[in-house]
Amino acid sequence: MFIAALFTIAKTWDQPKCPSTINWSGKMWHIYTMEYYAAIKNDEFVYFVGTWMNLETIILSKLTQEQKMKYCIFSLIGKGKQLKQAKEEAVVETDQYRMQTDKEFRLKQLRVITQMKQKNKHQGRYENLMDTTVSVWNA
């Protein structure tokens, strides 16, 4: 008898005091959907279509938010070392990315400088050629 009473008490302790957001949003969705179809069937003016459309976005955002929260909670439970290791790996990856981008930036600078030098070299040859042709024409 005592054990049965304990099981009954344990079951009542675990019950949530208010409905979850998923249950609430599902009920609201059902109510609005039924009203919408009843209004269509009776050819009535549907005054809550705007609310119904907004409710759709609210429900979807709440569902995804709740899923994200559950994922975060489950991923953080008992994973202190793994979380610390993941943070360290992220720092190393960002440092490697910075080094890679710096290296790429330096390579781009070198390419631009060499292109400018080549252009100047060609322009110098052209100017020398123009000087010799002008001197030939003047002579």
N, C-alpha and C. Protein backbone atom coordinates (compact mmCIF):
# COMPACT_ATOMS: atom_id res chain seq x y z
N MET A 1 0.82 -1.19 0.00
CA MET A 1 0.00 0.00 0.00
C MET A 1 0.87 1.26 0.00
N PHE A 2 1.89 1.22 0.83
CA PHE A 2 2.79 2.37 0.93
C PHE A 2 3.51 2.63 -0.40
N ILE A 3 3.95 1.55 -1.06
CA ILE A 3 4.66 1.68 -2.34
C ILE A 3 3.73 2.25 -3.41
N ALA A 4 2.48 1.82 -3.43
CA ALA A 4 1.52 2.34 -4.41
C ALA A 4 1.30 3.83 -4.20
N ALA A 5 1.25 4.25 -2.93
CA ALA A 5 1.08 5.68 -2.63
C ALA A 5 2.30 6.46 -3.11
N LEU A 6 3.49 5.89 -2.92
CA LEU A 6 4.71 6.57 -3.39
C LEU A 6 4.71 6.73 -4.91
N PHE A 7 4.29 5.69 -5.63
CA PHE A 7 4.23 5.79 -7.09
C PHE A 7 3.24 6.87 -7.53
N THR A 8 2.11 6.94 -6.83
CA THR A 8 1.11 7.96 -7.17
C THR A 8 1.66 9.36 -6.94
N ILE A 9 2.34 9.55 -5.82
CA ILE A 9 2.93 10.85 -5.51
C ILE A 9 4.01 11.21 -6.53
N ALA A 10 4.83 10.25 -6.89
CA ALA A 10 5.90 10.50 -7.86
C ALA A 10 5.32 10.90 -9.22
N LYS A 11 4.22 10.25 -9.62
CA LYS A 11 3.59 10.60 -10.89
C LYS A 11 3.05 12.02 -10.87
N THR A 12 2.46 12.42 -9.75
CA THR A 12 1.91 13.78 -9.68
C THR A 12 3.02 14.83 -9.58
N TRP A 13 4.15 14.50 -9.01
CA TRP A 13 5.26 15.45 -8.93
C TRP A 13 5.80 15.78 -10.32
N ASP A 14 5.87 14.79 -11.19
CA ASP A 14 6.47 15.00 -12.50
C ASP A 14 5.56 15.73 -13.48
N GLN A 15 4.29 15.90 -13.14
CA GLN A 15 3.37 16.55 -14.07
C GLN A 15 3.67 18.05 -14.15
N PRO A 16 3.72 18.60 -15.37
CA PRO A 16 3.91 20.05 -15.50
C PRO A 16 2.65 20.79 -15.07
N LYS A 17 2.85 21.96 -14.49
CA LYS A 17 1.72 22.73 -13.99
C LYS A 17 1.00 23.46 -15.11
N CYS A 18 1.72 23.81 -16.17
CA CYS A 18 1.10 24.47 -17.31
C CYS A 18 1.46 23.69 -18.57
N PRO A 19 0.63 23.78 -19.60
CA PRO A 19 0.93 23.01 -20.82
C PRO A 19 2.19 23.55 -21.50
N SER A 20 2.87 22.67 -22.17
CA SER A 20 4.08 23.10 -22.86
C SER A 20 3.71 23.98 -24.05
N THR A 21 4.69 24.68 -24.58
CA THR A 21 4.42 25.58 -25.71
C THR A 21 4.00 24.80 -26.94
N ILE A 22 4.52 23.58 -27.09
CA ILE A 22 4.13 22.78 -28.25
C ILE A 22 2.65 22.41 -28.16
N ASN A 23 2.21 21.97 -26.98
CA ASN A 23 0.79 21.62 -26.82
C ASN A 23 -0.09 22.84 -27.02
N TRP A 24 0.30 23.97 -26.41
CA TRP A 24 -0.49 25.19 -26.54
C TRP A 24 -0.58 25.64 -27.98
N SER A 25 0.56 25.66 -28.67
CA SER A 25 0.56 26.12 -30.06
C SER A 25 -0.24 25.15 -30.94
N GLY A 26 -0.16 23.87 -30.66
CA GLY A 26 -0.94 22.90 -31.42
C GLY A 26 -2.44 23.12 -31.24
N LYS A 27 -2.86 23.39 -29.99
CA LYS A 27 -4.28 23.64 -29.74
C LYS A 27 -4.75 24.91 -30.44
N MET A 28 -3.93 25.98 -30.36
CA MET A 28 -4.30 27.23 -31.01
C MET A 28 -4.37 27.04 -32.52
N TRP A 29 -3.44 26.31 -33.05
CA TRP A 29 -3.42 26.05 -34.49
C TRP A 29 -4.70 25.30 -34.90
N HIS A 30 -5.07 24.31 -34.09
CA HIS A 30 -6.28 23.52 -34.39
C HIS A 30 -7.52 24.41 -34.34
N ILE A 31 -7.62 25.26 -33.32
CA ILE A 31 -8.79 26.13 -33.18
C ILE A 31 -8.90 27.07 -34.38
N TYR A 32 -7.81 27.74 -34.71
CA TYR A 32 -7.86 28.68 -35.83
C TYR A 32 -8.12 27.96 -37.16
N THR A 33 -7.56 26.78 -37.32
CA THR A 33 -7.79 26.03 -38.56
C THR A 33 -9.26 25.65 -38.69
N MET A 34 -9.85 25.16 -37.60
CA MET A 34 -11.26 24.77 -37.65
C MET A 34 -12.15 25.98 -37.92
N GLU A 35 -11.87 27.12 -37.29
CA GLU A 35 -12.65 28.32 -37.55
C GLU A 35 -12.50 28.75 -39.00
N TYR A 36 -11.31 28.65 -39.52
CA TYR A 36 -11.04 29.05 -40.90
C TYR A 36 -11.85 28.20 -41.88
N TYR A 37 -11.80 26.88 -41.71
CA TYR A 37 -12.53 26.00 -42.62
C TYR A 37 -14.05 26.14 -42.44
N ALA A 38 -14.50 26.38 -41.22
CA ALA A 38 -15.94 26.59 -41.00
C ALA A 38 -16.40 27.87 -41.69
N ALA A 39 -15.57 28.92 -41.64
CA ALA A 39 -15.92 30.17 -42.30
C ALA A 39 -15.94 30.00 -43.81
N ILE A 40 -15.00 29.25 -44.35
CA ILE A 40 -14.97 29.00 -45.79
C ILE A 40 -16.21 28.21 -46.21
N LYS A 41 -16.57 27.22 -45.41
CA LYS A 41 -17.72 26.38 -45.74
C LYS A 41 -19.02 27.19 -45.74
N ASN A 42 -19.15 28.14 -44.82
CA ASN A 42 -20.36 28.94 -44.71
C ASN A 42 -20.29 30.22 -45.54
N ASP A 43 -19.23 30.42 -46.32
CA ASP A 43 -19.01 31.63 -47.13
C ASP A 43 -19.08 32.90 -46.28
N GLU A 44 -18.48 32.86 -45.12
CA GLU A 44 -18.45 34.02 -44.24
C GLU A 44 -17.13 34.77 -44.44
N PHE A 45 -17.12 36.01 -43.96
CA PHE A 45 -15.89 36.80 -44.00
C PHE A 45 -14.98 36.33 -42.86
N VAL A 46 -13.76 36.02 -43.19
CA VAL A 46 -12.82 35.52 -42.18
C VAL A 46 -12.05 36.71 -41.63
N TYR A 47 -12.34 37.07 -40.40
CA TYR A 47 -11.74 38.26 -39.80
C TYR A 47 -10.38 37.99 -39.16
N PHE A 48 -10.02 36.76 -38.98
CA PHE A 48 -8.80 36.45 -38.25
C PHE A 48 -7.72 35.85 -39.14
N VAL A 49 -7.82 36.03 -40.45
CA VAL A 49 -6.82 35.42 -41.34
C VAL A 49 -5.44 36.00 -41.06
N GLY A 50 -5.37 37.32 -40.80
CA GLY A 50 -4.08 37.93 -40.48
C GLY A 50 -3.49 37.34 -39.21
N THR A 51 -4.32 37.16 -38.20
CA THR A 51 -3.87 36.55 -36.96
C THR A 51 -3.44 35.11 -37.20
N TRP A 52 -4.16 34.42 -38.05
CA TRP A 52 -3.85 33.02 -38.33
C TRP A 52 -2.49 32.91 -39.02
N MET A 53 -2.22 33.81 -39.96
CA MET A 53 -0.92 33.79 -40.64
C MET A 53 0.21 34.13 -39.68
N ASN A 54 -0.05 35.13 -38.81
CA ASN A 54 0.97 35.47 -37.82
C ASN A 54 1.19 34.31 -36.85
N LEU A 55 0.12 33.63 -36.51
CA LEU A 55 0.22 32.51 -35.59
C LEU A 55 1.10 31.41 -36.17
N GLU A 56 1.00 31.21 -37.48
CA GLU A 56 1.83 30.19 -38.13
C GLU A 56 3.31 30.49 -37.93
N THR A 57 3.71 31.74 -38.15
CA THR A 57 5.13 32.09 -37.98
C THR A 57 5.54 32.00 -36.52
N ILE A 58 4.65 32.41 -35.62
CA ILE A 58 4.97 32.34 -34.19
C ILE A 58 5.16 30.89 -33.76
N ILE A 59 4.26 30.02 -34.20
CA ILE A 59 4.34 28.61 -33.82
C ILE A 59 5.63 27.99 -34.34
N LEU A 60 5.95 28.26 -35.60
CA LEU A 60 7.17 27.68 -36.16
C LEU A 60 8.40 28.19 -35.43
N SER A 61 8.43 29.49 -35.11
CA SER A 61 9.60 30.02 -34.42
C SER A 61 9.70 29.45 -33.01
N LYS A 62 8.56 29.28 -32.32
CA LYS A 62 8.60 28.71 -30.97
C LYS A 62 9.05 27.26 -31.00
N LEU A 63 8.59 26.50 -31.98
CA LEU A 63 8.99 25.10 -32.07
C LEU A 63 10.49 24.98 -32.32
N THR A 64 11.00 25.77 -33.25
CA THR A 64 12.43 25.69 -33.53
C THR A 64 13.24 26.17 -32.35
N GLN A 65 12.76 27.21 -31.65
CA GLN A 65 13.48 27.71 -30.48
C GLN A 65 13.52 26.65 -29.39
N GLU A 66 12.42 25.95 -29.18
CA GLU A 66 12.39 24.91 -28.15
C GLU A 66 13.33 23.77 -28.52
N GLN A 67 13.39 23.41 -29.80
CA GLN A 67 14.30 22.36 -30.23
C GLN A 67 15.75 22.80 -30.02
N LYS A 68 16.04 24.06 -30.31
CA LYS A 68 17.40 24.56 -30.11
C LYS A 68 17.76 24.52 -28.63
N MET A 69 16.80 24.92 -27.77
CA MET A 69 17.09 24.91 -26.34
C MET A 69 17.35 23.50 -25.85
N LYS A 70 16.54 22.54 -26.30
CA LYS A 70 16.75 21.15 -25.88
C LYS A 70 18.12 20.67 -26.33
N TYR A 71 18.50 20.99 -27.56
CA TYR A 71 19.80 20.56 -28.07
C TYR A 71 20.92 21.16 -27.23
N CYS A 72 20.82 22.44 -26.89
CA CYS A 72 21.86 23.08 -26.09
C CYS A 72 21.96 22.44 -24.71
N ILE A 73 20.81 22.17 -24.10
CA ILE A 73 20.82 21.58 -22.76
C ILE A 73 21.44 20.19 -22.80
N PHE A 74 21.02 19.37 -23.76
CA PHE A 74 21.55 18.01 -23.83
C PHE A 74 23.03 18.00 -24.20
N SER A 75 23.46 18.96 -25.01
CA SER A 75 24.85 18.95 -25.41
C SER A 75 25.76 19.43 -24.29
N LEU A 76 25.22 20.22 -23.35
CA LEU A 76 26.05 20.73 -22.27
C LEU A 76 26.07 19.83 -21.04
N ILE A 77 25.13 18.90 -20.94
CA ILE A 77 25.07 18.05 -19.75
C ILE A 77 26.24 17.08 -19.77
N GLY A 78 27.08 17.15 -18.76
CA GLY A 78 28.17 16.19 -18.59
C GLY A 78 29.25 16.24 -19.65
N LYS A 79 29.41 17.36 -20.31
CA LYS A 79 30.43 17.42 -21.35
C LYS A 79 31.38 18.59 -21.10
N GLY A 80 31.79 18.77 -19.88
CA GLY A 80 32.67 19.87 -19.54
C GLY A 80 34.00 19.80 -20.27
N LYS A 81 34.62 18.62 -20.27
CA LYS A 81 35.92 18.46 -20.93
C LYS A 81 35.79 18.61 -22.44
N GLN A 82 34.74 18.03 -23.00
CA GLN A 82 34.55 18.13 -24.45
C GLN A 82 34.28 19.57 -24.86
N LEU A 83 33.54 20.31 -24.03
CA LEU A 83 33.26 21.71 -24.33
C LEU A 83 34.54 22.53 -24.29
N LYS A 84 35.38 22.27 -23.28
CA LYS A 84 36.64 22.99 -23.18
C LYS A 84 37.53 22.66 -24.38
N GLN A 85 37.58 21.41 -24.77
CA GLN A 85 38.38 21.00 -25.92
C GLN A 85 37.85 21.64 -27.20
N ALA A 86 36.54 21.72 -27.34
CA ALA A 86 35.95 22.34 -28.53
C ALA A 86 36.30 23.82 -28.61
N LYS A 87 36.30 24.49 -27.45
CA LYS A 87 36.68 25.91 -27.43
C LYS A 87 38.13 26.08 -27.85
N GLU A 88 39.01 25.20 -27.32
CA GLU A 88 40.43 25.29 -27.68
C GLU A 88 40.62 25.03 -29.17
N GLU A 89 39.91 24.05 -29.73
CA GLU A 89 40.02 23.77 -31.16
C GLU A 89 39.52 24.96 -31.98
N ALA A 90 38.47 25.62 -31.50
CA ALA A 90 37.95 26.78 -32.23
C ALA A 90 38.98 27.90 -32.24
N VAL A 91 39.67 28.09 -31.11
CA VAL A 91 40.71 29.13 -31.05
C VAL A 91 41.84 28.81 -32.01
N VAL A 92 42.26 27.54 -32.04
CA VAL A 92 43.33 27.13 -32.95
C VAL A 92 42.90 27.33 -34.40
N GLU A 93 41.66 26.96 -34.71
CA GLU A 93 41.17 27.12 -36.08
C GLU A 93 41.13 28.58 -36.49
N THR A 94 40.70 29.47 -35.58
CA THR A 94 40.66 30.89 -35.93
C THR A 94 42.07 31.43 -36.11
N ASP A 95 43.02 30.98 -35.28
CA ASP A 95 44.41 31.42 -35.45
C ASP A 95 44.95 30.95 -36.79
N GLN A 96 44.67 29.69 -37.15
CA GLN A 96 45.13 29.18 -38.45
C GLN A 96 44.50 29.96 -39.59
N TYR A 97 43.23 30.31 -39.45
CA TYR A 97 42.55 31.08 -40.50
C TYR A 97 43.19 32.46 -40.64
N ARG A 98 43.49 33.10 -39.49
CA ARG A 98 44.14 34.41 -39.54
C ARG A 98 45.49 34.32 -40.22
N MET A 99 46.27 33.30 -39.86
CA MET A 99 47.58 33.15 -40.48
C MET A 99 47.43 32.91 -41.97
N GLN A 100 46.47 32.12 -42.37
CA GLN A 100 46.26 31.83 -43.79
C GLN A 100 45.84 33.10 -44.53
N THR A 101 44.93 33.88 -43.94
CA THR A 101 44.49 35.10 -44.61
C THR A 101 45.62 36.11 -44.69
N ASP A 102 46.46 36.20 -43.64
CA ASP A 102 47.62 37.09 -43.70
C ASP A 102 48.56 36.67 -44.82
N LYS A 103 48.79 35.37 -44.93
CA LYS A 103 49.68 34.86 -45.97
C LYS A 103 49.11 35.17 -47.35
N GLU A 104 47.80 34.95 -47.53
CA GLU A 104 47.17 35.26 -48.81
C GLU A 104 47.27 36.75 -49.12
N PHE A 105 47.08 37.59 -48.10
CA PHE A 105 47.18 39.03 -48.30
C PHE A 105 48.58 39.42 -48.75
N ARG A 106 49.59 38.85 -48.09
CA ARG A 106 50.98 39.15 -48.48
C ARG A 106 51.26 38.68 -49.91
N LEU A 107 50.75 37.51 -50.28
CA LEU A 107 50.95 37.03 -51.65
C LEU A 107 50.28 37.96 -52.66
N LYS A 108 49.10 38.45 -52.35
CA LYS A 108 48.43 39.39 -53.25
C LYS A 108 49.25 40.67 -53.38
N GLN A 109 49.79 41.14 -52.25
CA GLN A 109 50.62 42.35 -52.31
C GLN A 109 51.83 42.12 -53.21
N LEU A 110 52.48 40.97 -53.06
CA LEU A 110 53.64 40.67 -53.90
C LEU A 110 53.26 40.61 -55.37
N ARG A 111 52.13 40.01 -55.68
CA ARG A 111 51.68 39.96 -57.08
C ARG A 111 51.46 41.35 -57.65
N VAL A 112 50.81 42.22 -56.88
CA VAL A 112 50.55 43.58 -57.34
C VAL A 112 51.86 44.33 -57.55
N ILE A 113 52.79 44.17 -56.62
CA ILE A 113 54.08 44.86 -56.74
C ILE A 113 54.83 44.37 -57.97
N THR A 114 54.85 43.06 -58.20
CA THR A 114 55.57 42.56 -59.38
C THR A 114 54.89 43.01 -60.67
N GLN A 115 53.56 43.06 -60.68
CA GLN A 115 52.87 43.56 -61.87
C GLN A 115 53.20 45.03 -62.12
N MET A 116 53.26 45.81 -61.04
CA MET A 116 53.61 47.23 -61.21
C MET A 116 55.03 47.38 -61.72
N LYS A 117 55.95 46.56 -61.20
CA LYS A 117 57.33 46.62 -61.67
C LYS A 117 57.42 46.26 -63.14
N GLN A 118 56.68 45.23 -63.55
CA GLN A 118 56.70 44.84 -64.96
C GLN A 118 56.13 45.93 -65.84
N LYS A 119 55.06 46.58 -65.41
CA LYS A 119 54.49 47.68 -66.19
C LYS A 119 55.49 48.82 -66.30
N ASN A 120 56.14 49.14 -65.19
CA ASN A 120 57.13 50.22 -65.21
C ASN A 120 58.30 49.85 -66.11
N LYS A 121 58.69 48.59 -66.08
CA LYS A 121 59.80 48.13 -66.93
C LYS A 121 59.43 48.30 -68.40
N HIS A 122 58.20 47.89 -68.76
CA HIS A 122 57.75 48.03 -70.14
C HIS A 122 57.61 49.49 -70.53
N GLN A 123 57.11 50.31 -69.61
CA GLN A 123 56.96 51.74 -69.91
C GLN A 123 58.33 52.39 -70.09
N GLY A 124 59.29 51.97 -69.29
CA GLY A 124 60.64 52.50 -69.44
C GLY A 124 61.21 52.15 -70.79
N ARG A 125 61.02 50.93 -71.25
CA ARG A 125 61.49 50.53 -72.58
C ARG A 125 60.81 51.37 -73.66
N TYR A 126 59.52 51.58 -73.50
CA TYR A 126 58.76 52.35 -74.48
C TYR A 126 59.26 53.80 -74.53
N GLU A 127 59.51 54.37 -73.32
CA GLU A 127 60.02 55.74 -73.28
C GLU A 127 61.40 55.83 -73.92
N ASN A 128 62.26 54.84 -73.66
CA ASN A 128 63.58 54.84 -74.28
C ASN A 128 63.45 54.74 -75.80
N LEU A 129 62.53 53.91 -76.26
CA LEU A 129 62.30 53.76 -77.69
C LEU A 129 61.80 55.08 -78.29
N MET A 130 60.90 55.77 -77.57
CA MET A 130 60.39 57.05 -78.05
C MET A 130 61.51 58.08 -78.10
N ASP A 131 62.40 58.09 -77.11
CA ASP A 131 63.53 59.04 -77.11
C ASP A 131 64.42 58.81 -78.32
N THR A 132 64.70 57.55 -78.64
CA THR A 132 65.58 57.27 -79.79
C THR A 132 64.90 57.64 -81.09
N THR A 133 63.59 57.40 -81.21
CA THR A 133 62.90 57.76 -82.45
C THR A 133 62.83 59.27 -82.61
N VAL A 134 62.61 60.00 -81.53
CA VAL A 134 62.58 61.46 -81.61
C VAL A 134 63.95 61.99 -82.01
N SER A 135 65.01 61.41 -81.43
CA SER A 135 66.36 61.87 -81.79
C SER A 135 66.68 61.56 -83.24
N VAL A 136 66.16 60.45 -83.77
CA VAL A 136 66.38 60.11 -85.17
C VAL A 136 65.65 61.10 -86.07
N TRP A 137 64.44 61.45 -85.72
CA TRP A 137 63.66 62.39 -86.53
C TRP A 137 64.27 63.80 -86.48
N ASN A 138 64.83 64.19 -85.38
CA ASN A 138 65.42 65.52 -85.25
C ASN A 138 66.76 65.61 -85.99
N ALA A 139 67.43 64.54 -86.18
CA ALA A 139 68.75 64.57 -86.80
C ALA A 139 68.71 64.72 -88.26
